[in-house]
Amino acid sequence: MKLRPLGDKVVLKFLEAEEKTKGGIILASSAQEKPQVAEIIAVGPGGVVDGKDIKMELKVGDKVILNKYAGTEVKLDEEKYTVCRQSDVLAVVED
């Protein structure tokens, strides 16, 4: 199966949380925070959303920083994804 977002939505897959601190301390999974960096898996077409013309500025493969509580988590074929609006993305991570 494949997710195809509508309107101004994007589908994200969160990157793995750090298991070790910079000082070398290994964190238990319960102590790890939800990761905030995700990779964009799919992008909606944009268009008119809620009466406003929305241009999609994100593209598949972008690594982005997301608000901690943004989006809706979905599970498809044993994989977890998050679907959110483009406006919930705070920044694009550039190398």
N, C-alpha and C. Protein backbone atom coordinates (compact mmCIF):
# COMPACT_ATOMS: atom_id res chain seq x y z
N MET A 1 0.83 -1.19 0.00
CA MET A 1 0.00 0.00 0.00
C MET A 1 0.86 1.24 0.00
N LYS A 2 0.27 2.34 -0.40
CA LYS A 2 0.99 3.59 -0.49
C LYS A 2 0.09 4.72 -0.01
N LEU A 3 0.65 5.69 0.70
CA LEU A 3 -0.11 6.86 1.14
C LEU A 3 0.04 7.99 0.13
N ARG A 4 -1.07 8.59 -0.27
CA ARG A 4 -1.05 9.74 -1.17
C ARG A 4 -1.78 10.88 -0.46
N PRO A 5 -1.04 11.87 0.06
CA PRO A 5 -1.67 12.95 0.80
C PRO A 5 -2.49 13.88 -0.10
N LEU A 6 -3.50 14.50 0.47
CA LEU A 6 -4.37 15.42 -0.25
C LEU A 6 -4.07 16.85 0.17
N GLY A 7 -4.40 17.81 -0.69
CA GLY A 7 -4.27 19.23 -0.36
C GLY A 7 -2.87 19.61 0.07
N ASP A 8 -2.78 20.26 1.22
CA ASP A 8 -1.49 20.76 1.72
C ASP A 8 -0.85 19.82 2.73
N LYS A 9 -1.16 18.53 2.65
CA LYS A 9 -0.63 17.56 3.60
C LYS A 9 0.67 16.94 3.09
N VAL A 10 1.50 16.48 4.03
CA VAL A 10 2.71 15.74 3.72
C VAL A 10 2.74 14.49 4.59
N VAL A 11 3.40 13.44 4.10
CA VAL A 11 3.58 12.21 4.86
C VAL A 11 5.05 12.16 5.27
N LEU A 12 5.28 11.94 6.57
CA LEU A 12 6.63 11.95 7.13
C LEU A 12 6.95 10.62 7.78
N LYS A 13 8.22 10.29 7.78
CA LYS A 13 8.71 9.15 8.56
C LYS A 13 9.80 9.70 9.47
N PHE A 14 9.58 9.57 10.77
CA PHE A 14 10.55 10.09 11.73
C PHE A 14 11.83 9.29 11.68
N LEU A 15 12.95 9.99 11.81
CA LEU A 15 14.25 9.34 11.90
C LEU A 15 14.43 8.83 13.31
N GLU A 16 15.28 7.85 13.49
CA GLU A 16 15.46 7.22 14.79
C GLU A 16 15.94 8.21 15.85
N ALA A 17 15.43 8.04 17.07
CA ALA A 17 15.86 8.87 18.20
C ALA A 17 17.26 8.45 18.63
N GLU A 18 17.97 9.40 19.18
CA GLU A 18 19.32 9.10 19.68
C GLU A 18 19.22 8.12 20.84
N GLU A 19 20.03 7.08 20.80
CA GLU A 19 20.05 6.10 21.87
C GLU A 19 21.16 6.39 22.88
N LYS A 20 22.04 7.31 22.52
CA LYS A 20 23.18 7.61 23.38
C LYS A 20 23.36 9.12 23.44
N THR A 21 23.67 9.66 24.62
CA THR A 21 23.92 11.08 24.75
C THR A 21 25.30 11.41 24.19
N LYS A 22 25.60 12.69 24.03
CA LYS A 22 26.92 13.09 23.54
C LYS A 22 28.04 12.65 24.48
N GLY A 23 27.69 12.52 25.76
CA GLY A 23 28.67 12.08 26.75
C GLY A 23 28.85 10.57 26.79
N GLY A 24 28.06 9.82 25.99
CA GLY A 24 28.22 8.38 25.92
C GLY A 24 27.26 7.58 26.77
N ILE A 25 26.31 8.25 27.45
CA ILE A 25 25.35 7.54 28.29
C ILE A 25 24.26 6.94 27.40
N ILE A 26 24.02 5.65 27.56
CA ILE A 26 22.98 4.97 26.76
C ILE A 26 21.63 5.19 27.44
N LEU A 27 20.65 5.67 26.64
CA LEU A 27 19.33 5.98 27.16
C LEU A 27 18.38 4.80 26.97
N ALA A 28 17.57 4.53 27.99
CA ALA A 28 16.52 3.53 27.85
C ALA A 28 15.47 4.08 26.89
N SER A 29 14.75 3.20 26.22
CA SER A 29 13.77 3.67 25.24
C SER A 29 12.71 4.56 25.87
N SER A 30 12.38 4.34 27.14
CA SER A 30 11.39 5.17 27.82
C SER A 30 11.91 6.58 28.10
N ALA A 31 13.24 6.75 28.13
CA ALA A 31 13.83 8.06 28.41
C ALA A 31 14.08 8.86 27.14
N GLN A 32 13.94 8.23 25.98
CA GLN A 32 14.20 8.91 24.73
C GLN A 32 13.01 9.78 24.35
N GLU A 33 13.30 10.98 23.90
CA GLU A 33 12.23 11.86 23.44
C GLU A 33 11.82 11.47 22.02
N LYS A 34 10.59 11.82 21.67
CA LYS A 34 10.13 11.59 20.31
C LYS A 34 11.02 12.40 19.38
N PRO A 35 11.52 11.80 18.31
CA PRO A 35 12.39 12.55 17.40
C PRO A 35 11.62 13.67 16.73
N GLN A 36 12.29 14.76 16.43
CA GLN A 36 11.64 15.89 15.78
C GLN A 36 12.12 16.06 14.35
N VAL A 37 13.08 15.24 13.92
CA VAL A 37 13.58 15.31 12.55
C VAL A 37 12.96 14.15 11.78
N ALA A 38 12.37 14.47 10.64
CA ALA A 38 11.70 13.46 9.84
C ALA A 38 12.04 13.65 8.37
N GLU A 39 11.83 12.59 7.60
CA GLU A 39 12.03 12.66 6.15
C GLU A 39 10.67 12.65 5.49
N ILE A 40 10.50 13.49 4.47
CA ILE A 40 9.24 13.56 3.75
C ILE A 40 9.17 12.40 2.77
N ILE A 41 8.10 11.61 2.87
CA ILE A 41 7.88 10.44 2.05
C ILE A 41 6.96 10.75 0.87
N ALA A 42 5.97 11.63 1.08
CA ALA A 42 5.02 11.99 0.03
C ALA A 42 4.51 13.41 0.29
N VAL A 43 4.16 14.11 -0.79
CA VAL A 43 3.69 15.50 -0.71
C VAL A 43 2.39 15.63 -1.49
N GLY A 44 1.42 16.32 -0.88
CA GLY A 44 0.15 16.57 -1.56
C GLY A 44 0.32 17.59 -2.68
N PRO A 45 -0.74 17.78 -3.48
CA PRO A 45 -0.65 18.66 -4.63
C PRO A 45 -0.77 20.15 -4.33
N GLY A 46 -1.17 20.50 -3.11
CA GLY A 46 -1.41 21.92 -2.81
C GLY A 46 -2.74 22.33 -3.39
N GLY A 47 -2.79 23.53 -3.99
CA GLY A 47 -4.04 24.02 -4.57
C GLY A 47 -4.80 24.88 -3.59
N VAL A 48 -6.10 24.98 -3.76
CA VAL A 48 -6.93 25.80 -2.90
C VAL A 48 -7.34 24.97 -1.68
N VAL A 49 -6.91 25.43 -0.51
CA VAL A 49 -7.22 24.77 0.75
C VAL A 49 -7.82 25.81 1.69
N ASP A 50 -9.02 25.57 2.17
CA ASP A 50 -9.72 26.52 3.05
C ASP A 50 -9.81 27.91 2.42
N GLY A 51 -10.02 27.97 1.11
CA GLY A 51 -10.19 29.25 0.41
C GLY A 51 -8.90 29.97 0.10
N LYS A 52 -7.75 29.39 0.41
CA LYS A 52 -6.45 30.02 0.15
C LYS A 52 -5.67 29.16 -0.83
N ASP A 53 -4.95 29.82 -1.74
CA ASP A 53 -4.12 29.09 -2.70
C ASP A 53 -2.81 28.70 -2.02
N ILE A 54 -2.56 27.40 -1.91
CA ILE A 54 -1.38 26.88 -1.23
C ILE A 54 -0.39 26.31 -2.24
N LYS A 55 0.84 26.82 -2.21
CA LYS A 55 1.92 26.30 -3.05
C LYS A 55 2.78 25.40 -2.17
N MET A 56 3.01 24.19 -2.61
CA MET A 56 3.82 23.26 -1.82
C MET A 56 5.30 23.60 -1.99
N GLU A 57 5.95 23.89 -0.87
CA GLU A 57 7.37 24.25 -0.88
C GLU A 57 8.26 23.08 -0.51
N LEU A 58 7.67 22.01 0.00
CA LEU A 58 8.43 20.83 0.41
C LEU A 58 8.41 19.80 -0.69
N LYS A 59 9.43 18.92 -0.69
CA LYS A 59 9.48 17.87 -1.70
C LYS A 59 9.91 16.55 -1.04
N VAL A 60 9.63 15.46 -1.71
CA VAL A 60 9.99 14.14 -1.22
C VAL A 60 11.50 14.09 -1.01
N GLY A 61 11.90 13.54 0.13
CA GLY A 61 13.33 13.42 0.44
C GLY A 61 13.86 14.52 1.35
N ASP A 62 13.11 15.63 1.48
CA ASP A 62 13.54 16.70 2.40
C ASP A 62 13.56 16.17 3.82
N LYS A 63 14.57 16.57 4.59
CA LYS A 63 14.60 16.29 6.02
C LYS A 63 14.13 17.57 6.70
N VAL A 64 13.15 17.42 7.59
CA VAL A 64 12.51 18.58 8.19
C VAL A 64 12.43 18.44 9.71
N ILE A 65 12.25 19.58 10.36
CA ILE A 65 12.01 19.62 11.80
C ILE A 65 10.53 19.92 11.98
N LEU A 66 9.91 19.14 12.82
CA LEU A 66 8.47 19.22 13.01
C LEU A 66 8.15 19.59 14.45
N ASN A 67 7.07 20.32 14.64
CA ASN A 67 6.56 20.59 15.97
C ASN A 67 6.35 19.25 16.69
N LYS A 68 6.69 19.17 17.95
CA LYS A 68 6.66 17.92 18.71
C LYS A 68 5.30 17.22 18.68
N TYR A 69 4.22 17.98 18.69
CA TYR A 69 2.89 17.39 18.80
C TYR A 69 2.07 17.51 17.51
N ALA A 70 2.72 17.79 16.40
CA ALA A 70 2.01 18.01 15.14
C ALA A 70 1.67 16.69 14.45
N GLY A 71 0.61 16.72 13.68
CA GLY A 71 0.26 15.62 12.81
C GLY A 71 -0.50 14.49 13.45
N THR A 72 -0.84 13.54 12.61
CA THR A 72 -1.56 12.34 13.02
C THR A 72 -0.72 11.13 12.66
N GLU A 73 -0.49 10.28 13.64
CA GLU A 73 0.32 9.09 13.40
C GLU A 73 -0.55 8.00 12.79
N VAL A 74 -0.06 7.36 11.74
CA VAL A 74 -0.76 6.24 11.11
C VAL A 74 0.20 5.08 10.95
N LYS A 75 -0.34 3.87 10.94
CA LYS A 75 0.48 2.67 10.77
C LYS A 75 0.01 1.98 9.50
N LEU A 76 0.94 1.70 8.61
CA LEU A 76 0.63 1.07 7.34
C LEU A 76 1.71 0.03 7.04
N ASP A 77 1.32 -1.21 6.84
CA ASP A 77 2.28 -2.29 6.57
C ASP A 77 3.38 -2.34 7.62
N GLU A 78 3.00 -2.26 8.89
CA GLU A 78 3.93 -2.33 10.03
C GLU A 78 4.89 -1.16 10.14
N GLU A 79 4.73 -0.13 9.34
CA GLU A 79 5.56 1.08 9.41
C GLU A 79 4.72 2.21 9.99
N LYS A 80 5.35 3.07 10.81
CA LYS A 80 4.66 4.23 11.37
C LYS A 80 5.00 5.47 10.55
N TYR A 81 3.96 6.23 10.21
CA TYR A 81 4.11 7.48 9.47
C TYR A 81 3.33 8.56 10.21
N THR A 82 3.65 9.81 9.90
CA THR A 82 2.89 10.94 10.42
C THR A 82 2.41 11.76 9.24
N VAL A 83 1.13 12.11 9.26
CA VAL A 83 0.54 12.97 8.23
C VAL A 83 0.25 14.31 8.88
N CYS A 84 0.75 15.39 8.27
CA CYS A 84 0.52 16.72 8.82
C CYS A 84 0.42 17.75 7.70
N ARG A 85 0.02 18.95 8.06
CA ARG A 85 -0.03 20.05 7.10
C ARG A 85 1.38 20.59 6.86
N GLN A 86 1.58 21.14 5.70
CA GLN A 86 2.88 21.75 5.39
C GLN A 86 3.21 22.84 6.42
N SER A 87 2.20 23.55 6.90
CA SER A 87 2.43 24.64 7.86
C SER A 87 2.89 24.14 9.23
N ASP A 88 2.75 22.84 9.52
CA ASP A 88 3.25 22.29 10.78
C ASP A 88 4.75 22.05 10.76
N VAL A 89 5.35 22.09 9.57
CA VAL A 89 6.80 21.91 9.45
C VAL A 89 7.48 23.23 9.80
N LEU A 90 8.44 23.15 10.73
CA LEU A 90 9.10 24.36 11.23
C LEU A 90 10.28 24.79 10.35
N ALA A 91 11.04 23.80 9.83
CA ALA A 91 12.24 24.12 9.05
C ALA A 91 12.67 22.92 8.23
N VAL A 92 13.43 23.20 7.17
CA VAL A 92 14.06 22.15 6.37
C VAL A 92 15.52 22.07 6.80
N VAL A 93 16.01 20.87 7.04
CA VAL A 93 17.40 20.66 7.44
C VAL A 93 18.23 20.55 6.16
N GLU A 94 19.21 21.44 6.03
CA GLU A 94 20.08 21.42 4.85
C GLU A 94 21.49 21.04 5.27
N ASP A 95 22.17 20.27 4.43
CA ASP A 95 23.56 19.86 4.71
C ASP A 95 24.53 20.95 4.36
